[in-house]
Amino acid sequence: MKGKVGEFLALGHASQEVQDQIRPVMEIVPDFDLRDLLETFCDHAMDHVPNGMVLTVDCGALPFVRVLEGDVGGPVLRVGESLMQRDIAMRPAFRCTDPEDALAEVAIVAAAHRQGACMRFATAADLNEVTPDNKQMSELLRAVRLAPEEVDLLVDAGPVRSAHTRKILVERVIDVLNSLSRWPWRDVCVAAGAFPVNLTGFPRGVATAVVREDASLWQEVVERWVGPQPDFGDFGVTYPRMLPKSRGTPDPNMRYTTGSEWQVFVYPRVRTGNDDFFILSQDLVNSPHWPATGAATSWGDERLAECAQRKRRKAGGGTEWRAWATSHHLAVVTSHLSSAGSP
């Protein structure tokens, strides 16, 4: 998940059942003032991360520079220190391509928090990494001062833009799993994302289906790979890559997960404020896509039901809509995985 307030809100309101089935990875989204960005991220974590939950934090999109002028310490170390002060358990993420100084900070943070670390390995077309050999992997683990049994392996397949892309990525993921399964990782997860870059071009006033090719990718990997079943991972209701900061106010929208698809509602801005979202919510609640469990499905669905019944004074904005959609997504995905073994 992107480390923004909407995602933190969804995480903070996750049911105990959902909490028990997830290992959240929060990616810190770059901004101009690195110090303020990290403090804001840690404040959100303190306010919203459920008690006892271990938060995997990925600083990979941030520049590896000193956060405080004249002081030693890059983003990983600063976040590790701040979260420890706030009693939030952290698991740092790292990559095979990270510089030595960054890996050294991962080692320090992992030793302080005692939650191990997460190695993120890309098989995506735009970030396809070279699989390390035995010597390189031994050196990498030595740099972070961890045994493989203390490390989660996150295989990141990246954006899945079509069924054709999915088939190519499945082959790459299986090759990487075959190569890296020589080490006894603590947990193995295969993650991908199929949500579009943005909502530009989506029809207004109706629901548009978007196939969850990321879920299909995971299912195909599970069916074809002969090793232990990897955990399922995705990027929620967002595009997998970091995007430039958006400008302007988004049209009322809801990215609603329904099994093998997202139903994407985008409504034109006609009324004052975000009142068009009340109409959107009414249409969603009255549509075939509204689950049988209704408002009880998740915290986000409760908010949508309130909007549909106009029990809220305001219809929220982009942050709230993302939070409600993410809340629903977490509930749906974990429910499907626990009941049917597929996302």
C-alpha atoms as a PDB file:
ATOM      1  CA  MET A   1       0.000   0.000   0.000  1.00  0.00           C
ATOM      2  CA  LYS A   2       1.078   3.569  -0.618  1.00  0.00           C
ATOM      3  CA  GLY A   3       1.943   5.160   2.722  1.00  0.00           C
ATOM      4  CA  LYS A   4      -0.755   7.823   2.565  1.00  0.00           C
ATOM      5  CA  VAL A   5      -3.442   8.722   5.064  1.00  0.00           C
ATOM      6  CA  GLY A   6      -6.204   6.957   3.100  1.00  0.00           C
ATOM      7  CA  GLU A   7      -4.404   3.634   3.250  1.00  0.00           C
ATOM      8  CA  PHE A   8      -3.547   4.131   6.917  1.00  0.00           C
ATOM      9  CA  LEU A   9      -7.215   4.853   7.677  1.00  0.00           C
ATOM     10  CA  ALA A  10      -8.238   1.598   6.002  1.00  0.00           C
ATOM     11  CA  LEU A  11      -5.588  -0.326   7.907  1.00  0.00           C
ATOM     12  CA  GLY A  12      -6.603   1.235  11.199  1.00  0.00           C
ATOM     13  CA  HIS A  13     -10.230   0.214  10.696  1.00  0.00           C
ATOM     14  CA  ALA A  14      -9.517  -3.336   9.499  1.00  0.00           C
ATOM     15  CA  SER A  15     -11.411  -6.017  11.377  1.00  0.00           C
ATOM     16  CA  GLN A  16      -9.495  -8.447  13.546  1.00  0.00           C
ATOM     17  CA  GLU A  17     -10.174 -11.156  10.965  1.00  0.00           C
ATOM     18  CA  VAL A  18      -8.542  -9.060   8.251  1.00  0.00           C
ATOM     19  CA  GLN A  19      -5.634  -8.061  10.504  1.00  0.00           C
ATOM     20  CA  ASP A  20      -4.880 -11.713  11.209  1.00  0.00           C
ATOM     21  CA  GLN A  21      -4.479 -12.476   7.489  1.00  0.00           C
ATOM     22  CA  ILE A  22      -2.367  -9.590   6.197  1.00  0.00           C
ATOM     23  CA  ARG A  23       1.242  -8.418   6.325  1.00  0.00           C
ATOM     24  CA  PRO A  24       1.012  -4.795   5.184  1.00  0.00           C
ATOM     25  CA  VAL A  25       3.862  -3.316   3.174  1.00  0.00           C
ATOM     26  CA  MET A  26       3.786   0.486   3.210  1.00  0.00           C
ATOM     27  CA  GLU A  27       5.677   2.325   0.486  1.00  0.00           C
ATOM     28  CA  ILE A  28       6.681   5.842   1.444  1.00  0.00           C
ATOM     29  CA  VAL A  29       5.677   8.154  -1.408  1.00  0.00           C
ATOM     30  CA  PRO A  30       8.334  10.804  -2.223  1.00  0.00           C
ATOM     31  CA  ASP A  31       7.687  14.474  -1.504  1.00  0.00           C
ATOM     32  CA  PHE A  32       9.755  17.648  -1.466  1.00  0.00           C
ATOM     33  CA  ASP A  33      10.610  17.870   2.240  1.00  0.00           C
ATOM     34  CA  LEU A  34      12.003  14.476   3.219  1.00  0.00           C
ATOM     35  CA  ARG A  35      12.112  15.155   6.949  1.00  0.00           C
ATOM     36  CA  ASP A  36       8.485  16.314   7.132  1.00  0.00           C
ATOM     37  CA  LEU A  37       7.444  13.414   4.901  1.00  0.00           C
ATOM     38  CA  LEU A  38       8.979  10.822   7.221  1.00  0.00           C
ATOM     39  CA  GLU A  39       7.553  12.428  10.357  1.00  0.00           C
ATOM     40  CA  THR A  40       4.083  12.565   8.786  1.00  0.00           C
ATOM     41  CA  PHE A  41       4.352   8.910   7.777  1.00  0.00           C
ATOM     42  CA  CYS A  42       5.362   7.902  11.309  1.00  0.00           C
ATOM     43  CA  ASP A  43       2.573  10.002  12.838  1.00  0.00           C
ATOM     44  CA  HIS A  44       0.030   8.232  10.596  1.00  0.00           C
ATOM     45  CA  ALA A  45       1.485   4.889  11.676  1.00  0.00           C
ATOM     46  CA  MET A  46       1.183   5.806  15.351  1.00  0.00           C
ATOM     47  CA  ASP A  47      -2.421   6.930  14.861  1.00  0.00           C
ATOM     48  CA  HIS A  48      -3.665   4.051  12.731  1.00  0.00           C
ATOM     49  CA  VAL A  49      -1.518   0.888  12.811  1.00  0.00           C
ATOM     50  CA  PRO A  50      -3.348  -1.671  14.994  1.00  0.00           C
ATOM     51  CA  ASN A  51      -1.674  -2.715  18.227  1.00  0.00           C
ATOM     52  CA  GLY A  52       0.650  -5.658  17.753  1.00  0.00           C
ATOM     53  CA  MET A  53       0.828  -5.383  13.961  1.00  0.00           C
ATOM     54  CA  VAL A  54       4.266  -5.429  12.326  1.00  0.00           C
ATOM     55  CA  LEU A  55       4.580  -2.826   9.585  1.00  0.00           C
ATOM     56  CA  THR A  56       6.874  -3.571   6.657  1.00  0.00           C
ATOM     57  CA  VAL A  57       8.200  -0.219   5.427  1.00  0.00           C
ATOM     58  CA  ASP A  58       9.658   0.311   1.952  1.00  0.00           C
ATOM     59  CA  CYS A  59      11.790   3.437   1.505  1.00  0.00           C
ATOM     60  CA  GLY A  60      12.983   2.333  -1.932  1.00  0.00           C
ATOM     61  CA  ALA A  61      11.420   5.277  -3.790  1.00  0.00           C
ATOM     62  CA  LEU A  62      13.206   7.826  -1.596  1.00  0.00           C
ATOM     63  CA  PRO A  63      16.670   9.242  -2.248  1.00  0.00           C
ATOM     64  CA  PHE A  64      19.303   7.785   0.039  1.00  0.00           C
ATOM     65  CA  VAL A  65      20.464  11.026   1.612  1.00  0.00           C
ATOM     66  CA  ARG A  66      20.943  12.314   5.148  1.00  0.00           C
ATOM     67  CA  VAL A  67      17.579  13.286   6.549  1.00  0.00           C
ATOM     68  CA  LEU A  68      18.984  15.726   9.095  1.00  0.00           C
ATOM     69  CA  GLU A  69      21.675  18.118   7.964  1.00  0.00           C
ATOM     70  CA  GLY A  70      25.005  17.379   9.591  1.00  0.00           C
ATOM     71  CA  ASP A  71      23.741  14.093  11.019  1.00  0.00           C
ATOM     72  CA  VAL A  72      24.269  10.500   9.958  1.00  0.00           C
ATOM     73  CA  GLY A  73      21.283   8.498   8.849  1.00  0.00           C
ATOM     74  CA  GLY A  74      19.166   7.999   5.744  1.00  0.00           C
ATOM     75  CA  PRO A  75      15.420   7.353   5.443  1.00  0.00           C
ATOM     76  CA  VAL A  76      15.446   3.730   6.645  1.00  0.00           C
ATOM     77  CA  LEU A  77      17.302   4.541   9.842  1.00  0.00           C
ATOM     78  CA  ARG A  78      15.220   7.644  10.581  1.00  0.00           C
ATOM     79  CA  VAL A  79      11.920   5.816  10.081  1.00  0.00           C
ATOM     80  CA  GLY A  80      13.182   2.909  12.184  1.00  0.00           C
ATOM     81  CA  GLU A  81      14.076   5.247  15.044  1.00  0.00           C
ATOM     82  CA  SER A  82      10.823   7.220  14.830  1.00  0.00           C
ATOM     83  CA  LEU A  83       8.608   4.135  14.755  1.00  0.00           C
ATOM     84  CA  MET A  84      10.475   2.629  17.695  1.00  0.00           C
ATOM     85  CA  GLN A  85       9.803   5.794  19.701  1.00  0.00           C
ATOM     86  CA  ARG A  86       6.127   5.375  18.826  1.00  0.00           C
ATOM     87  CA  ASP A  87       6.090   1.655  19.781  1.00  0.00           C
ATOM     88  CA  ILE A  88       5.401   0.526  16.196  1.00  0.00           C
ATOM     89  CA  ALA A  89       7.205  -2.664  15.177  1.00  0.00           C
ATOM     90  CA  MET A  90       8.928  -2.234  11.809  1.00  0.00           C
ATOM     91  CA  ARG A  91      10.261  -4.670   9.235  1.00  0.00           C
ATOM     92  CA  PRO A  92      12.485  -2.834   6.713  1.00  0.00           C
ATOM     93  CA  ALA A  93      12.323  -3.703   3.021  1.00  0.00           C
ATOM     94  CA  PHE A  94      15.427  -3.926   0.868  1.00  0.00           C
ATOM     95  CA  ARG A  95      16.477  -4.878  -2.655  1.00  0.00           C
ATOM     96  CA  CYS A  96      19.406  -6.700  -4.188  1.00  0.00           C
ATOM     97  CA  THR A  97      20.297  -3.458  -5.964  1.00  0.00           C
ATOM     98  CA  ASP A  98      20.470  -1.284  -2.819  1.00  0.00           C
ATOM     99  CA  PRO A  99      23.773   0.475  -2.060  1.00  0.00           C
ATOM    100  CA  GLU A 100      25.915  -0.779   0.827  1.00  0.00           C
ATOM    101  CA  ASP A 101      25.012   2.154   3.076  1.00  0.00           C
ATOM    102  CA  ALA A 102      21.293   1.478   2.664  1.00  0.00           C
ATOM    103  CA  LEU A 103      21.774  -2.226   3.450  1.00  0.00           C
ATOM    104  CA  ALA A 104      23.754  -1.274   6.541  1.00  0.00           C
ATOM    105  CA  GLU A 105      20.785   0.793   7.743  1.00  0.00           C
ATOM    106  CA  VAL A 106      18.470  -2.151   7.113  1.00  0.00           C
ATOM    107  CA  ALA A 107      20.744  -4.261   9.317  1.00  0.00           C
ATOM    108  CA  ILE A 108      20.634  -1.677  12.128  1.00  0.00           C
ATOM    109  CA  VAL A 109      16.838  -1.302  11.996  1.00  0.00           C
ATOM    110  CA  ALA A 110      16.261  -5.065  11.767  1.00  0.00           C
ATOM    111  CA  ALA A 111      18.480  -5.613  14.820  1.00  0.00           C
ATOM    112  CA  ALA A 112      16.673  -2.900  16.785  1.00  0.00           C
ATOM    113  CA  HIS A 113      13.123  -4.013  15.989  1.00  0.00           C
ATOM    114  CA  ARG A 114      13.847  -7.762  15.919  1.00  0.00           C
ATOM    115  CA  GLN A 115      11.282  -8.418  13.203  1.00  0.00           C
ATOM    116  CA  GLY A 116      13.649  -9.445  10.422  1.00  0.00           C
ATOM    117  CA  ALA A 117      13.368  -7.810   7.017  1.00  0.00           C
ATOM    118  CA  CYS A 118      11.670  -8.138   3.626  1.00  0.00           C
ATOM    119  CA  MET A 119      13.626  -8.636   0.399  1.00  0.00           C
ATOM    120  CA  ARG A 120      11.727  -7.221  -2.557  1.00  0.00           C
ATOM    121  CA  PHE A 121      12.715  -8.727  -5.899  1.00  0.00           C
ATOM    122  CA  ALA A 122      11.310  -7.327  -9.159  1.00  0.00           C
ATOM    123  CA  THR A 123      10.342  -9.488 -12.121  1.00  0.00           C
ATOM    124  CA  ALA A 124       8.412  -6.700 -13.862  1.00  0.00           C
ATOM    125  CA  ALA A 125       9.252  -5.685 -17.421  1.00  0.00           C
ATOM    126  CA  ASP A 126      10.387  -2.224 -16.327  1.00  0.00           C
ATOM    127  CA  LEU A 127      12.430  -3.394 -13.316  1.00  0.00           C
ATOM    128  CA  ASN A 128      13.406  -6.954 -14.170  1.00  0.00           C
ATOM    129  CA  GLU A 129      16.348  -7.751 -11.871  1.00  0.00           C
ATOM    130  CA  VAL A 130      19.129 -10.288 -12.352  1.00  0.00           C
ATOM    131  CA  THR A 131      18.735 -13.196  -9.964  1.00  0.00           C
ATOM    132  CA  PRO A 132      21.726 -13.308  -7.596  1.00  0.00           C
ATOM    133  CA  ASP A 133      23.877 -16.405  -7.476  1.00  0.00           C
ATOM    134  CA  ASN A 134      24.860 -18.180  -4.251  1.00  0.00           C
ATOM    135  CA  LYS A 135      27.830 -15.922  -3.568  1.00  0.00           C
ATOM    136  CA  GLN A 136      25.894 -12.716  -4.224  1.00  0.00           C
ATOM    137  CA  MET A 137      22.987 -13.822  -2.039  1.00  0.00           C
ATOM    138  CA  SER A 138      25.335 -14.784   0.776  1.00  0.00           C
ATOM    139  CA  GLU A 139      26.958 -11.352   0.586  1.00  0.00           C
ATOM    140  CA  LEU A 140      23.552  -9.656   0.563  1.00  0.00           C
ATOM    141  CA  LEU A 141      22.351 -11.538   3.637  1.00  0.00           C
ATOM    142  CA  ARG A 142      25.652 -10.827   5.351  1.00  0.00           C
ATOM    143  CA  ALA A 143      25.188  -7.109   4.652  1.00  0.00           C
ATOM    144  CA  VAL A 144      21.785  -7.042   6.392  1.00  0.00           C
ATOM    145  CA  ARG A 145      23.078  -9.428   9.090  1.00  0.00           C
ATOM    146  CA  LEU A 146      20.145 -11.792   8.768  1.00  0.00           C
ATOM    147  CA  ALA A 147      19.610 -15.464   7.987  1.00  0.00           C
ATOM    148  CA  PRO A 148      17.122 -16.286   5.192  1.00  0.00           C
ATOM    149  CA  GLU A 149      14.773 -17.686   7.850  1.00  0.00           C
ATOM    150  CA  GLU A 150      14.471 -14.107   9.152  1.00  0.00           C
ATOM    151  CA  VAL A 151      13.647 -12.624   5.738  1.00  0.00           C
ATOM    152  CA  ASP A 152      10.374 -12.458   3.826  1.00  0.00           C
ATOM    153  CA  LEU A 153      10.740 -12.775   0.044  1.00  0.00           C
ATOM    154  CA  LEU A 154       8.395 -10.476  -1.878  1.00  0.00           C
ATOM    155  CA  VAL A 155       8.426 -11.228  -5.609  1.00  0.00           C
ATOM    156  CA  ASP A 156       7.099  -8.090  -7.289  1.00  0.00           C
ATOM    157  CA  ALA A 157       5.677  -8.738 -10.754  1.00  0.00           C
ATOM    158  CA  GLY A 158       4.665  -5.092 -11.108  1.00  0.00           C
ATOM    159  CA  PRO A 159       1.948  -3.809 -13.477  1.00  0.00           C
ATOM    160  CA  VAL A 160      -0.176  -6.404 -15.290  1.00  0.00           C
ATOM    161  CA  ARG A 161      -1.693  -4.460 -18.159  1.00  0.00           C
ATOM    162  CA  SER A 162      -3.260  -7.317 -20.144  1.00  0.00           C
ATOM    163  CA  ALA A 163      -3.693 -11.073 -20.359  1.00  0.00           C
ATOM    164  CA  HIS A 164      -0.689 -11.160 -22.709  1.00  0.00           C
ATOM    165  CA  THR A 165       1.461  -9.304 -20.155  1.00  0.00           C
ATOM    166  CA  ARG A 166       0.232 -11.660 -17.468  1.00  0.00           C
ATOM    167  CA  LYS A 167       1.462 -14.745 -19.336  1.00  0.00           C
ATOM    168  CA  ILE A 168       4.939 -13.243 -19.783  1.00  0.00           C
ATOM    169  CA  LEU A 169       5.130 -12.250 -16.123  1.00  0.00           C
ATOM    170  CA  VAL A 170       3.997 -15.676 -14.930  1.00  0.00           C
ATOM    171  CA  GLU A 171       7.002 -17.243 -16.666  1.00  0.00           C
ATOM    172  CA  ARG A 172       9.364 -14.748 -15.033  1.00  0.00           C
ATOM    173  CA  VAL A 173       7.871 -15.243 -11.579  1.00  0.00           C
ATOM    174  CA  ILE A 174       8.158 -19.033 -11.816  1.00  0.00           C
ATOM    175  CA  ASP A 175      11.789 -18.759 -12.968  1.00  0.00           C
ATOM    176  CA  VAL A 176      12.610 -16.511 -10.008  1.00  0.00           C
ATOM    177  CA  LEU A 177      10.800 -18.768  -7.534  1.00  0.00           C
ATOM    178  CA  ASN A 178      12.741 -21.742  -8.859  1.00  0.00           C
ATOM    179  CA  SER A 179      16.032 -19.870  -8.504  1.00  0.00           C
ATOM    180  CA  LEU A 180      15.432 -18.283  -5.110  1.00  0.00           C
ATOM    181  CA  SER A 181      13.769 -21.289  -3.475  1.00  0.00           C
ATOM    182  CA  ARG A 182      17.259 -22.583  -2.698  1.00  0.00           C
ATOM    183  CA  TRP A 183      17.100 -20.421   0.436  1.00  0.00           C
ATOM    184  CA  PRO A 184      14.691 -21.155   3.324  1.00  0.00           C
ATOM    185  CA  TRP A 185      12.820 -17.814   3.422  1.00  0.00           C
ATOM    186  CA  ARG A 186      10.520 -17.091   6.329  1.00  0.00           C
ATOM    187  CA  ASP A 187       7.586 -16.288   4.018  1.00  0.00           C
ATOM    188  CA  VAL A 188       7.236 -15.985   0.247  1.00  0.00           C
ATOM    189  CA  CYS A 189       4.738 -13.683  -1.450  1.00  0.00           C
ATOM    190  CA  VAL A 190       3.993 -12.997  -5.119  1.00  0.00           C
ATOM    191  CA  ALA A 191       2.547  -9.532  -5.699  1.00  0.00           C
ATOM    192  CA  ALA A 192       1.300  -7.737  -8.797  1.00  0.00           C
ATOM    193  CA  GLY A 193      -1.059  -4.896  -9.636  1.00  0.00           C
ATOM    194  CA  ALA A 194      -3.541  -4.459 -12.452  1.00  0.00           C
ATOM    195  CA  PHE A 195      -5.320  -1.225 -11.578  1.00  0.00           C
ATOM    196  CA  PRO A 196      -4.967   1.418 -14.330  1.00  0.00           C
ATOM    197  CA  VAL A 197      -2.665   4.424 -14.027  1.00  0.00           C
ATOM    198  CA  ASN A 198      -5.613   6.782 -13.517  1.00  0.00           C
ATOM    199  CA  LEU A 199      -9.331   7.181 -14.226  1.00  0.00           C
ATOM    200  CA  THR A 200      -8.907   9.332 -17.328  1.00  0.00           C
ATOM    201  CA  GLY A 201     -11.142   8.059 -20.105  1.00  0.00           C
ATOM    202  CA  PHE A 202     -13.499   6.089 -17.861  1.00  0.00           C
ATOM    203  CA  PRO A 203     -17.183   6.635 -18.731  1.00  0.00           C
ATOM    204  CA  ARG A 204     -19.012   8.898 -16.278  1.00  0.00           C
ATOM    205  CA  GLY A 205     -22.183   7.938 -14.462  1.00  0.00           C
ATOM    206  CA  VAL A 206     -21.811   4.151 -14.826  1.00  0.00           C
ATOM    207  CA  ALA A 207     -19.746   1.301 -13.440  1.00  0.00           C
ATOM    208  CA  THR A 208     -16.889   0.046 -15.639  1.00  0.00           C
ATOM    209  CA  ALA A 209     -15.405  -3.405 -15.103  1.00  0.00           C
ATOM    210  CA  VAL A 210     -11.610  -3.747 -14.865  1.00  0.00           C
ATOM    211  CA  VAL A 211     -10.268  -7.293 -14.810  1.00  0.00           C
ATOM    212  CA  ARG A 212      -8.057  -8.104 -11.830  1.00  0.00           C
ATOM    213  CA  GLU A 213      -5.267  -9.623 -13.884  1.00  0.00           C
ATOM    214  CA  ASP A 214      -3.039  -9.534 -10.786  1.00  0.00           C
ATOM    215  CA  ALA A 215      -5.276 -12.088  -9.089  1.00  0.00           C
ATOM    216  CA  SER A 216      -5.226 -14.243 -12.232  1.00  0.00           C
ATOM    217  CA  LEU A 217      -1.423 -14.045 -12.330  1.00  0.00           C
ATOM    218  CA  TRP A 218      -1.136 -15.323  -8.768  1.00  0.00           C
ATOM    219  CA  GLN A 219      -3.614 -18.128  -9.450  1.00  0.00           C
ATOM    220  CA  GLU A 220      -1.678 -19.246 -12.524  1.00  0.00           C
ATOM    221  CA  VAL A 221       1.620 -19.185 -10.624  1.00  0.00           C
ATOM    222  CA  VAL A 222       0.087 -21.335  -7.883  1.00  0.00           C
ATOM    223  CA  GLU A 223      -1.235 -23.841 -10.425  1.00  0.00           C
ATOM    224  CA  ARG A 224       2.058 -24.135 -12.297  1.00  0.00           C
ATOM    225  CA  TRP A 225       4.755 -23.858  -9.648  1.00  0.00           C
ATOM    226  CA  VAL A 226       5.695 -27.122  -7.923  1.00  0.00           C
ATOM    227  CA  GLY A 227       6.942 -25.551  -4.684  1.00  0.00           C
ATOM    228  CA  PRO A 228       5.029 -24.426  -1.597  1.00  0.00           C
ATOM    229  CA  GLN A 229       2.161 -22.038  -2.347  1.00  0.00           C
ATOM    230  CA  PRO A 230       3.289 -18.404  -2.101  1.00  0.00           C
ATOM    231  CA  ASP A 231       1.129 -15.861  -0.337  1.00  0.00           C
ATOM    232  CA  PHE A 232      -0.981 -13.493  -2.424  1.00  0.00           C
ATOM    233  CA  GLY A 233      -0.015  -9.834  -2.668  1.00  0.00           C
ATOM    234  CA  ASP A 234      -1.360  -6.894  -4.616  1.00  0.00           C
ATOM    235  CA  PHE A 235      -1.299  -3.096  -4.645  1.00  0.00           C
ATOM    236  CA  GLY A 236      -4.868  -2.598  -3.495  1.00  0.00           C
ATOM    237  CA  VAL A 237      -6.869  -0.170  -5.605  1.00  0.00           C
ATOM    238  CA  THR A 238      -3.855   1.744  -6.918  1.00  0.00           C
ATOM    239  CA  TYR A 239      -1.400   1.554  -9.791  1.00  0.00           C
ATOM    240  CA  PRO A 240       1.711  -0.368  -8.700  1.00  0.00           C
ATOM    241  CA  ARG A 241       4.252   2.309  -9.516  1.00  0.00           C
ATOM    242  CA  MET A 242       4.885   5.728  -7.979  1.00  0.00           C
ATOM    243  CA  LEU A 243       3.168   8.433 -10.009  1.00  0.00           C
ATOM    244  CA  PRO A 244       3.668  12.211 -10.132  1.00  0.00           C
ATOM    245  CA  LYS A 245       1.611  14.104  -7.599  1.00  0.00           C
ATOM    246  CA  SER A 246      -1.863  14.655  -9.016  1.00  0.00           C
ATOM    247  CA  ARG A 247      -3.232  18.137  -9.415  1.00  0.00           C
ATOM    248  CA  GLY A 248      -6.779  19.350  -9.150  1.00  0.00           C
ATOM    249  CA  THR A 249      -9.814  17.731  -7.579  1.00  0.00           C
ATOM    250  CA  PRO A 250     -10.838  14.239  -8.699  1.00  0.00           C
ATOM    251  CA  ASP A 251     -14.325  13.486  -9.925  1.00  0.00           C
ATOM    252  CA  PRO A 252     -16.365  11.441  -7.437  1.00  0.00           C
ATOM    253  CA  ASN A 253     -15.230   7.848  -7.816  1.00  0.00           C
ATOM    254  CA  MET A 254     -15.183   4.451  -6.162  1.00  0.00           C
ATOM    255  CA  ARG A 255     -12.856   1.583  -7.008  1.00  0.00           C
ATOM    256  CA  TYR A 256     -14.960  -1.340  -5.842  1.00  0.00           C
ATOM    257  CA  THR A 257     -13.507  -4.851  -5.685  1.00  0.00           C
ATOM    258  CA  THR A 258     -15.868  -7.644  -6.766  1.00  0.00           C
ATOM    259  CA  GLY A 259     -14.057 -10.942  -6.983  1.00  0.00           C
ATOM    260  CA  SER A 260     -12.346 -11.209 -10.371  1.00  0.00           C
ATOM    261  CA  GLU A 261     -12.959  -7.543 -11.267  1.00  0.00           C
ATOM    262  CA  TRP A 262     -13.021  -4.013  -9.997  1.00  0.00           C
ATOM    263  CA  GLN A 263     -16.201  -2.105 -10.702  1.00  0.00           C
ATOM    264  CA  VAL A 264     -15.010   1.464 -11.184  1.00  0.00           C
ATOM    265  CA  PHE A 265     -17.648   4.138 -10.604  1.00  0.00           C
ATOM    266  CA  VAL A 266     -16.737   7.628 -11.847  1.00  0.00           C
ATOM    267  CA  TYR A 267     -19.421  10.293 -11.755  1.00  0.00           C
ATOM    268  CA  PRO A 268     -19.448  13.757 -13.304  1.00  0.00           C
ATOM    269  CA  ARG A 269     -19.143  16.743 -11.019  1.00  0.00           C
ATOM    270  CA  VAL A 270     -22.552  18.419 -11.282  1.00  0.00           C
ATOM    271  CA  ARG A 271     -23.584  19.364  -7.754  1.00  0.00           C
ATOM    272  CA  THR A 272     -21.759  21.557  -5.263  1.00  0.00           C
ATOM    273  CA  GLY A 273     -18.974  20.091  -3.160  1.00  0.00           C
ATOM    274  CA  ASN A 274     -18.827  16.328  -3.535  1.00  0.00           C
ATOM    275  CA  ASP A 275     -22.578  15.770  -3.334  1.00  0.00           C
ATOM    276  CA  ASP A 276     -22.448  13.732  -6.534  1.00  0.00           C
ATOM    277  CA  PHE A 277     -20.812  11.028  -4.430  1.00  0.00           C
ATOM    278  CA  PHE A 278     -24.151  10.585  -2.613  1.00  0.00           C
ATOM    279  CA  ILE A 279     -25.702   9.662  -5.966  1.00  0.00           C
ATOM    280  CA  LEU A 280     -22.790   7.362  -6.767  1.00  0.00           C
ATOM    281  CA  SER A 281     -23.196   5.610  -3.413  1.00  0.00           C
ATOM    282  CA  GLN A 282     -26.924   5.145  -3.935  1.00  0.00           C
ATOM    283  CA  ASP A 283     -26.296   3.597  -7.345  1.00  0.00           C
ATOM    284  CA  LEU A 284     -23.607   1.313  -5.914  1.00  0.00           C
ATOM    285  CA  VAL A 285     -25.742   0.120  -3.010  1.00  0.00           C
ATOM    286  CA  ASN A 286     -28.631  -0.596  -5.385  1.00  0.00           C
ATOM    287  CA  SER A 287     -26.444  -2.359  -7.957  1.00  0.00           C
ATOM    288  CA  PRO A 288     -25.710  -6.098  -8.335  1.00  0.00           C
ATOM    289  CA  HIS A 289     -22.167  -5.338  -7.149  1.00  0.00           C
ATOM    290  CA  TRP A 290     -23.231  -4.518  -3.578  1.00  0.00           C
ATOM    291  CA  PRO A 291     -22.358  -7.633  -1.508  1.00  0.00           C
ATOM    292  CA  ALA A 292     -24.912  -9.724   0.331  1.00  0.00           C
ATOM    293  CA  THR A 293     -23.204  -8.769   3.578  1.00  0.00           C
ATOM    294  CA  GLY A 294     -23.828  -5.102   2.739  1.00  0.00           C
ATOM    295  CA  ALA A 295     -22.531  -2.509   5.177  1.00  0.00           C
ATOM    296  CA  ALA A 296     -21.207  -5.274   7.439  1.00  0.00           C
ATOM    297  CA  THR A 297     -18.587  -6.207   4.815  1.00  0.00           C
ATOM    298  CA  SER A 298     -16.092  -3.601   6.000  1.00  0.00           C
ATOM    299  CA  TRP A 299     -15.660  -0.208   7.614  1.00  0.00           C
ATOM    300  CA  GLY A 300     -15.539   1.294   4.128  1.00  0.00           C
ATOM    301  CA  ASP A 301     -18.870  -0.296   3.194  1.00  0.00           C
ATOM    302  CA  GLU A 302     -20.428   1.202   6.308  1.00  0.00           C
ATOM    303  CA  ARG A 303     -19.356   4.644   5.122  1.00  0.00           C
ATOM    304  CA  LEU A 304     -20.719   3.991   1.633  1.00  0.00           C
ATOM    305  CA  ALA A 305     -24.064   2.889   3.077  1.00  0.00           C
ATOM    306  CA  GLU A 306     -24.184   6.094   5.137  1.00  0.00           C
ATOM    307  CA  CYS A 307     -23.565   8.148   1.999  1.00  0.00           C
ATOM    308  CA  ALA A 308     -26.264   6.257   0.119  1.00  0.00           C
ATOM    309  CA  GLN A 309     -28.735   7.072   2.899  1.00  0.00           C
ATOM    310  CA  ARG A 310     -27.404  10.629   3.251  1.00  0.00           C
ATOM    311  CA  LYS A 311     -26.569  10.036   6.890  1.00  0.00           C
ATOM    312  CA  ARG A 312     -23.327  11.934   6.463  1.00  0.00           C
ATOM    313  CA  ARG A 313     -23.161  15.711   6.277  1.00  0.00           C
ATOM    314  CA  LYS A 314     -20.374  15.512   3.710  1.00  0.00           C
ATOM    315  CA  ALA A 315     -19.625  12.948   1.042  1.00  0.00           C
ATOM    316  CA  GLY A 316     -15.905  13.001   1.690  1.00  0.00           C
ATOM    317  CA  GLY A 317     -13.139  13.525  -0.861  1.00  0.00           C
ATOM    318  CA  GLY A 318     -10.304  11.690  -2.564  1.00  0.00           C
ATOM    319  CA  THR A 319      -8.629  10.580   0.676  1.00  0.00           C
ATOM    320  CA  GLU A 320     -11.846   9.189   2.140  1.00  0.00           C
ATOM    321  CA  TRP A 321     -12.848   7.467  -1.099  1.00  0.00           C
ATOM    322  CA  ARG A 322      -9.449   5.779  -1.304  1.00  0.00           C
ATOM    323  CA  ALA A 323      -9.726   4.713   2.340  1.00  0.00           C
ATOM    324  CA  TRP A 324     -13.206   3.239   1.900  1.00  0.00           C
ATOM    325  CA  ALA A 325     -12.239   1.435  -1.308  1.00  0.00           C
ATOM    326  CA  THR A 326      -9.083   0.023   0.303  1.00  0.00           C
ATOM    327  CA  SER A 327     -11.042  -1.104   3.360  1.00  0.00           C
ATOM    328  CA  HIS A 328     -13.521  -2.956   1.150  1.00  0.00           C
ATOM    329  CA  HIS A 329     -10.706  -4.434  -0.948  1.00  0.00           C
ATOM    330  CA  LEU A 330      -8.892  -5.851   2.085  1.00  0.00           C
ATOM    331  CA  ALA A 331     -12.089  -7.432   3.378  1.00  0.00           C
ATOM    332  CA  VAL A 332     -13.027  -8.981   0.029  1.00  0.00           C
ATOM    333  CA  VAL A 333      -9.573 -10.351  -0.788  1.00  0.00           C
ATOM    334  CA  THR A 334      -8.957 -11.888   2.636  1.00  0.00           C
ATOM    335  CA  SER A 335     -12.448 -13.388   2.671  1.00  0.00           C
ATOM    336  CA  HIS A 336     -11.934 -15.043  -0.716  1.00  0.00           C
ATOM    337  CA  LEU A 337      -8.500 -16.353   0.233  1.00  0.00           C
ATOM    338  CA  SER A 338      -9.722 -17.886   3.477  1.00  0.00           C
ATOM    339  CA  SER A 339     -12.842 -19.455   1.958  1.00  0.00           C
ATOM    340  CA  ALA A 340     -11.770 -20.524  -1.522  1.00  0.00           C
ATOM    341  CA  GLY A 341      -7.980 -20.266  -1.549  1.00  0.00           C
ATOM    342  CA  SER A 342      -8.019 -17.664  -4.330  1.00  0.00           C
ATOM    343  CA  PRO A 343      -8.143 -13.861  -4.238  1.00  0.00           C
END
